[in-house]
Amino acid sequence: MHIYGKIYDFAASAGSLEGYVYHKEEIDMKALSIWVDNLVTAYRNVPSEAIDEFQSLLDGTLGRAIRSIMIILGDEHEIIGKLKSMVKGRLPESPDDFQKKKWFQ
């Protein structure tokens, strides 16, 4: 797959995860575990120079997903650790922390 396809696939999956866990009270743990493992693998397969270009955006997307999942699983769950391994900046304060405007606005 071309690098642009890898980036799109990764970003779409990360954004979908955020939407899937947003304000959920119950989550399919088997599906979530597979999803997160696939995200980590995809993240590792995107060149670092590409990640550098979108890392701050990813920190927000995954950070909000982490905050949503933490409500259900707590801070120390293995899934939280895997997701945090892809976040380099500060986590958003909450799942509702949408401070950054979209580039097209």
Protein backbone atom coordinates (compact mmCIF):
# COMPACT_ATOMS: atom_id res chain seq x y z
CA MET A 1 0.00 0.00 0.00
CA HIS A 2 1.25 3.49 -0.85
CA ILE A 3 2.20 5.67 2.12
CA TYR A 4 -0.77 7.98 1.57
CA GLY A 5 -3.08 4.98 1.81
CA LYS A 6 -1.40 3.87 5.03
CA ILE A 7 -1.81 7.32 6.52
CA TYR A 8 -5.46 7.51 5.49
CA ASP A 9 -6.21 4.03 6.79
CA PHE A 10 -4.54 4.78 10.12
CA ALA A 11 -6.24 8.16 10.53
CA ALA A 12 -9.66 6.78 9.60
CA SER A 13 -9.27 3.98 12.10
CA ALA A 14 -8.15 6.35 14.88
CA GLY A 15 -11.05 8.72 14.18
CA SER A 16 -13.51 5.84 14.07
CA LEU A 17 -12.23 4.62 17.44
CA GLU A 18 -12.83 8.05 18.94
CA GLY A 19 -16.40 8.02 17.67
CA TYR A 20 -17.01 4.43 18.76
CA VAL A 21 -15.99 5.00 22.39
CA TYR A 22 -17.37 8.55 22.80
CA HIS A 23 -19.76 8.62 25.78
CA LYS A 24 -20.19 4.83 25.76
CA GLU A 25 -21.10 2.99 28.92
CA GLU A 26 -20.30 -0.46 27.54
CA ILE A 27 -17.69 -1.50 24.98
CA ASP A 28 -17.06 -4.80 23.21
CA MET A 29 -13.69 -5.54 24.83
CA LYS A 30 -12.65 -8.16 22.27
CA ALA A 31 -13.28 -5.80 19.36
CA LEU A 32 -11.61 -2.90 21.21
CA SER A 33 -8.51 -4.96 21.95
CA ILE A 34 -8.13 -6.03 18.31
CA TRP A 35 -8.81 -2.47 17.12
CA VAL A 36 -6.15 -0.98 19.40
CA ASP A 37 -3.58 -3.64 18.47
CA ASN A 38 -4.21 -2.91 14.80
CA LEU A 39 -3.83 0.83 15.43
CA VAL A 40 -0.50 0.33 17.18
CA THR A 41 0.75 -1.82 14.31
CA ALA A 42 -0.41 0.73 11.73
CA TYR A 43 1.20 3.58 13.70
CA ARG A 44 4.51 1.74 13.67
CA ASN A 45 4.24 1.29 9.89
CA VAL A 46 3.82 4.98 9.11
CA PRO A 47 7.17 6.73 8.56
CA SER A 48 8.19 8.98 11.43
CA GLU A 49 8.49 12.03 9.18
CA ALA A 50 4.82 11.61 8.26
CA ILE A 51 3.80 11.10 11.89
CA ASP A 52 5.67 14.28 12.82
CA GLU A 53 3.32 16.20 10.51
CA PHE A 54 0.11 15.01 12.21
CA GLN A 55 1.18 13.95 15.72
CA SER A 56 -0.46 16.94 17.45
CA LEU A 57 -3.75 16.17 15.70
CA LEU A 58 -3.43 12.49 16.61
CA ASP A 59 -2.77 13.44 20.24
CA GLY A 60 -6.18 15.12 20.30
CA THR A 61 -8.06 12.34 18.56
CA LEU A 62 -6.53 9.48 20.52
CA GLY A 63 -6.45 11.57 23.68
CA ARG A 64 -10.20 12.08 23.58
CA ALA A 65 -10.68 8.36 22.89
CA ILE A 66 -8.41 7.54 25.84
CA ARG A 67 -10.42 9.84 28.10
CA SER A 68 -13.64 8.09 27.03
CA ILE A 69 -12.18 4.63 27.60
CA MET A 70 -10.65 5.62 30.95
CA ILE A 71 -14.14 6.29 32.28
CA ILE A 72 -14.98 2.62 31.69
CA LEU A 73 -11.64 0.83 32.21
CA GLY A 74 -9.70 3.11 34.54
CA ASP A 75 -6.26 4.67 34.09
CA GLU A 76 -4.11 1.55 34.35
CA HIS A 77 -5.73 -0.84 31.84
CA GLU A 78 -3.43 -2.39 29.21
CA ILE A 79 -5.50 -0.86 26.39
CA ILE A 80 -4.96 2.61 27.85
CA GLY A 81 -1.22 1.98 27.91
CA LYS A 82 -1.19 0.90 24.27
CA LEU A 83 -3.10 3.98 23.19
CA LYS A 84 -0.91 6.29 25.27
CA SER A 85 2.15 4.85 23.51
CA MET A 86 0.99 6.71 20.39
CA VAL A 87 0.36 10.03 22.14
CA LYS A 88 3.36 12.33 22.51
CA GLY A 89 1.70 15.46 23.90
CA ARG A 90 -0.65 16.25 26.73
CA LEU A 91 -3.94 14.39 26.88
CA PRO A 92 -7.08 16.48 26.41
CA GLU A 93 -8.88 17.24 29.65
CA SER A 94 -11.97 15.26 28.65
CA PRO A 95 -13.58 13.35 25.77
CA ASP A 96 -15.34 16.64 24.95
CA ASP A 97 -12.14 18.71 24.61
CA PHE A 98 -12.47 19.89 20.99
CA GLN A 99 -10.38 23.07 21.10
CA LYS A 100 -8.67 22.92 17.72
CA LYS A 101 -10.49 24.23 14.67
CA LYS A 102 -10.47 22.12 11.54
CA TRP A 103 -8.19 23.31 8.73
CA PHE A 104 -11.17 23.89 6.45
CA GLN A 105 -13.04 26.21 8.83
